[in-house]
N, C-alpha and C. Protein backbone atom coordinates (compact mmCIF):
# COMPACT_ATOMS: atom_id res chain seq x y z
N MET A 1 12.28 -51.69 -22.56
CA MET A 1 12.70 -51.13 -21.35
C MET A 1 13.52 -49.75 -21.56
N ALA A 2 14.49 -49.95 -22.39
CA ALA A 2 15.39 -48.74 -22.75
C ALA A 2 14.70 -47.56 -23.37
N GLU A 3 13.78 -47.93 -24.31
CA GLU A 3 12.91 -46.90 -25.00
C GLU A 3 12.15 -46.23 -23.99
N PHE A 4 11.47 -46.95 -23.03
CA PHE A 4 10.65 -46.24 -21.95
C PHE A 4 11.52 -45.29 -21.16
N LEU A 5 12.69 -45.75 -20.80
CA LEU A 5 13.57 -44.79 -19.85
C LEU A 5 14.06 -43.64 -20.69
N LYS A 6 14.34 -43.76 -22.01
CA LYS A 6 14.63 -42.67 -22.86
C LYS A 6 13.57 -41.70 -22.91
N LYS A 7 12.32 -42.18 -23.17
CA LYS A 7 11.13 -41.27 -23.26
C LYS A 7 10.88 -40.64 -21.97
N ALA A 8 11.06 -41.32 -20.85
CA ALA A 8 10.87 -40.73 -19.49
C ALA A 8 11.84 -39.65 -19.31
N PHE A 9 13.07 -39.85 -19.52
CA PHE A 9 14.05 -38.85 -19.25
C PHE A 9 13.91 -37.56 -20.21
N LYS A 10 13.43 -37.87 -21.49
CA LYS A 10 13.24 -36.76 -22.42
C LYS A 10 12.03 -35.95 -21.88
N ASP A 11 10.99 -36.62 -21.37
CA ASP A 11 9.89 -35.85 -20.82
C ASP A 11 10.27 -35.14 -19.61
N MET A 12 11.07 -35.64 -18.84
CA MET A 12 11.49 -34.90 -17.46
C MET A 12 12.34 -33.58 -17.96
N LYS A 13 13.24 -33.94 -19.11
CA LYS A 13 13.98 -32.76 -19.48
C LYS A 13 13.15 -31.61 -20.01
N GLU A 14 12.16 -32.03 -20.83
CA GLU A 14 11.23 -30.98 -21.42
C GLU A 14 10.43 -30.33 -20.23
N SER A 15 9.99 -31.09 -19.32
CA SER A 15 9.35 -30.57 -18.17
C SER A 15 10.06 -29.52 -17.33
N ALA A 16 11.41 -29.98 -17.20
CA ALA A 16 12.30 -29.06 -16.48
C ALA A 16 12.55 -27.70 -17.19
N LYS A 17 12.66 -27.77 -18.53
CA LYS A 17 12.81 -26.57 -19.28
C LYS A 17 11.60 -25.75 -19.27
N ALA A 18 10.37 -26.28 -19.33
CA ALA A 18 9.20 -25.54 -19.14
C ALA A 18 9.08 -24.94 -17.79
N GLN A 19 9.28 -25.58 -16.91
CA GLN A 19 9.36 -25.23 -15.47
C GLN A 19 10.28 -23.98 -15.21
N HIS A 20 11.50 -23.98 -15.89
CA HIS A 20 12.51 -23.08 -15.85
C HIS A 20 11.98 -21.72 -16.41
N GLU A 21 11.26 -21.83 -17.61
CA GLU A 21 10.59 -20.61 -18.22
C GLU A 21 9.63 -19.99 -17.38
N VAL A 22 8.87 -20.79 -16.70
CA VAL A 22 7.83 -20.32 -15.73
C VAL A 22 8.47 -19.57 -14.58
N ASP A 23 9.54 -20.20 -14.09
CA ASP A 23 10.24 -19.56 -12.95
C ASP A 23 10.84 -18.29 -13.38
N LYS A 24 11.39 -18.21 -14.55
CA LYS A 24 12.08 -17.01 -15.04
C LYS A 24 11.02 -16.01 -15.24
N ALA A 25 9.73 -16.30 -15.63
CA ALA A 25 8.71 -15.32 -15.87
C ALA A 25 8.27 -14.75 -14.58
N ASN A 26 8.03 -15.71 -13.55
CA ASN A 26 7.69 -15.26 -12.24
C ASN A 26 8.67 -14.41 -11.57
N PHE A 27 9.89 -14.67 -11.78
CA PHE A 27 10.93 -13.82 -11.17
C PHE A 27 11.02 -12.57 -11.75
N ALA A 28 10.95 -12.44 -13.12
CA ALA A 28 10.86 -11.10 -13.80
C ALA A 28 9.59 -10.28 -13.27
N ALA A 29 8.44 -10.92 -13.12
CA ALA A 29 7.28 -10.22 -12.62
C ALA A 29 7.53 -9.68 -11.30
N ALA A 30 8.01 -10.54 -10.33
CA ALA A 30 8.32 -10.13 -8.99
C ALA A 30 9.36 -8.96 -8.85
N LYS A 31 10.36 -9.07 -9.76
CA LYS A 31 11.38 -8.00 -9.87
C LYS A 31 10.72 -6.74 -10.27
N ALA A 32 9.80 -6.73 -11.28
CA ALA A 32 9.17 -5.58 -11.84
C ALA A 32 8.17 -4.94 -10.73
N GLU A 33 7.48 -5.81 -9.98
CA GLU A 33 6.57 -5.37 -8.98
C GLU A 33 7.32 -4.73 -7.94
N SER A 34 8.49 -5.30 -7.51
CA SER A 34 9.33 -4.68 -6.45
C SER A 34 9.89 -3.37 -6.88
N LYS A 35 10.29 -3.20 -8.16
CA LYS A 35 10.83 -1.87 -8.60
C LYS A 35 9.67 -0.86 -8.64
N ALA A 36 8.51 -1.31 -9.03
CA ALA A 36 7.29 -0.33 -9.03
C ALA A 36 7.09 0.07 -7.58
N GLN A 37 7.08 -0.64 -6.60
CA GLN A 37 6.86 -0.41 -5.20
C GLN A 37 7.92 0.50 -4.76
N TRP A 38 9.16 0.30 -5.21
CA TRP A 38 10.27 1.17 -4.73
C TRP A 38 10.03 2.60 -5.30
N GLU A 39 9.77 2.64 -6.63
CA GLU A 39 9.56 3.91 -7.18
C GLU A 39 8.41 4.76 -6.60
N GLU A 40 7.15 3.90 -6.30
CA GLU A 40 6.18 4.60 -5.66
C GLU A 40 6.57 5.19 -4.27
N ALA A 41 7.26 4.47 -3.50
CA ALA A 41 7.75 4.80 -2.20
C ALA A 41 8.70 5.97 -2.36
N LYS A 42 9.56 5.98 -3.31
CA LYS A 42 10.48 7.15 -3.52
C LYS A 42 9.58 8.31 -3.99
N ALA A 43 8.66 8.16 -4.74
CA ALA A 43 7.89 9.23 -5.17
C ALA A 43 7.07 9.88 -4.03
N MET A 44 6.62 9.10 -3.04
CA MET A 44 5.92 9.59 -1.94
C MET A 44 6.87 10.52 -1.07
N GLY A 45 8.16 10.41 -1.23
CA GLY A 45 9.04 11.30 -0.44
C GLY A 45 8.98 12.82 -1.03
N ASN A 46 8.51 12.93 -2.18
CA ASN A 46 8.32 14.21 -2.81
C ASN A 46 6.83 14.66 -2.40
N PRO A 47 6.79 15.74 -1.65
CA PRO A 47 5.42 16.21 -1.09
C PRO A 47 4.39 16.53 -2.15
N GLU A 48 4.85 17.14 -3.35
CA GLU A 48 3.91 17.36 -4.37
C GLU A 48 3.33 16.05 -4.90
N THR A 49 4.12 15.12 -5.09
CA THR A 49 3.66 13.74 -5.84
C THR A 49 2.79 13.07 -4.73
N ALA A 50 3.16 13.10 -3.54
CA ALA A 50 2.34 12.48 -2.34
C ALA A 50 1.02 13.18 -2.37
N LYS A 51 0.87 14.47 -2.43
CA LYS A 51 -0.29 15.24 -2.43
C LYS A 51 -1.22 14.81 -3.59
N LYS A 52 -0.61 14.76 -4.76
CA LYS A 52 -1.33 14.49 -5.91
C LYS A 52 -1.83 13.02 -6.05
N MET A 53 -1.06 12.06 -5.36
CA MET A 53 -1.52 10.70 -5.35
C MET A 53 -2.66 10.60 -4.35
N MET A 54 -2.62 11.29 -3.20
CA MET A 54 -3.64 11.30 -2.18
C MET A 54 -4.95 11.88 -2.79
N GLN A 55 -4.69 12.95 -3.55
CA GLN A 55 -6.05 13.66 -4.13
C GLN A 55 -6.66 12.61 -5.12
N GLU A 56 -5.82 11.93 -5.86
CA GLU A 56 -6.45 10.97 -6.91
C GLU A 56 -7.19 9.95 -6.15
N GLN A 57 -6.67 9.53 -5.02
CA GLN A 57 -7.32 8.44 -4.19
C GLN A 57 -8.62 8.96 -3.73
N ARG A 58 -8.51 10.20 -3.19
CA ARG A 58 -9.82 10.87 -2.63
C ARG A 58 -10.79 11.00 -3.72
N ASP A 59 -10.49 11.44 -4.90
CA ASP A 59 -11.30 11.63 -5.99
C ASP A 59 -12.03 10.26 -6.36
N ALA A 60 -11.18 9.27 -6.34
CA ALA A 60 -11.82 7.98 -6.67
C ALA A 60 -12.87 7.51 -5.62
N GLN A 61 -12.43 7.70 -4.32
CA GLN A 61 -13.43 7.35 -3.28
C GLN A 61 -14.70 8.17 -3.39
N ILE A 62 -14.60 9.59 -3.72
CA ILE A 62 -15.79 10.22 -3.83
C ILE A 62 -16.70 9.82 -5.05
N ALA A 63 -16.02 9.38 -6.17
CA ALA A 63 -16.77 9.02 -7.28
C ALA A 63 -17.49 7.64 -6.99
N GLU A 64 -16.79 6.78 -6.29
CA GLU A 64 -17.38 5.53 -5.83
C GLU A 64 -18.56 5.84 -4.82
N ALA A 65 -18.44 6.68 -3.93
CA ALA A 65 -19.60 7.06 -3.04
C ALA A 65 -20.75 7.62 -3.84
N ASN A 66 -20.49 8.44 -4.81
CA ASN A 66 -21.61 9.15 -5.58
C ASN A 66 -22.34 7.99 -6.36
N GLU A 67 -21.59 6.89 -6.91
CA GLU A 67 -22.25 5.86 -7.59
C GLU A 67 -23.10 5.07 -6.62
N ARG A 68 -22.64 4.91 -5.45
CA ARG A 68 -23.39 4.08 -4.43
C ARG A 68 -24.63 4.93 -4.03
N ILE A 69 -24.52 6.32 -3.97
CA ILE A 69 -25.67 7.18 -3.66
C ILE A 69 -26.70 7.08 -4.84
N ALA A 70 -26.35 7.19 -6.04
CA ALA A 70 -27.24 7.04 -7.12
C ALA A 70 -27.84 5.73 -7.18
N ALA A 71 -27.19 4.66 -6.88
CA ALA A 71 -27.78 3.28 -6.91
C ALA A 71 -28.82 3.17 -5.81
N ALA A 72 -28.45 3.72 -4.65
CA ALA A 72 -29.38 3.65 -3.50
C ALA A 72 -30.76 4.58 -3.80
N GLN A 73 -30.59 5.67 -4.48
CA GLN A 73 -31.61 6.47 -4.80
C GLN A 73 -32.48 5.81 -5.81
N LYS A 74 -31.94 5.09 -6.76
CA LYS A 74 -32.71 4.32 -7.70
C LYS A 74 -33.53 3.29 -7.10
N ARG A 75 -33.00 2.59 -6.08
CA ARG A 75 -33.66 1.55 -5.33
C ARG A 75 -34.83 2.28 -4.55
N ILE A 76 -34.62 3.37 -3.90
CA ILE A 76 -35.61 4.09 -3.27
C ILE A 76 -36.75 4.41 -4.09
N ASP A 77 -36.46 5.00 -5.30
CA ASP A 77 -37.48 5.33 -6.36
C ASP A 77 -38.21 4.20 -6.76
N ASP A 78 -37.51 3.04 -7.01
CA ASP A 78 -38.23 1.83 -7.51
C ASP A 78 -39.19 1.34 -6.43
N ALA A 79 -38.79 1.36 -5.20
CA ALA A 79 -39.62 0.95 -4.03
C ALA A 79 -40.80 1.83 -3.93
N LYS A 80 -40.65 3.07 -4.12
CA LYS A 80 -41.79 3.91 -3.92
C LYS A 80 -42.87 3.82 -5.14
N ASN A 81 -42.38 3.40 -6.34
CA ASN A 81 -43.25 3.12 -7.43
C ASN A 81 -43.92 1.89 -7.50
N LYS A 82 -43.75 1.07 -6.70
CA LYS A 82 -44.37 -0.29 -6.65
C LYS A 82 -45.67 -0.32 -6.04
């Protein structure tokens, strides 16, 4: 019985250590994400940076729309050739 308890407590200790490592990693990730959000918000205060970021978003949306147009045109061409 004593061996069982020793093993059980040893397992609990190892499990607690492992969970602590997971918690530390999750906390570090949340901290980094929070800092990134703060830096992005701070950068948006600069009009030039805000313009640049918005232009990049618009460019990405235009590229996505062009891909959708090309895919639709291919479907139209395929339907006409059948």
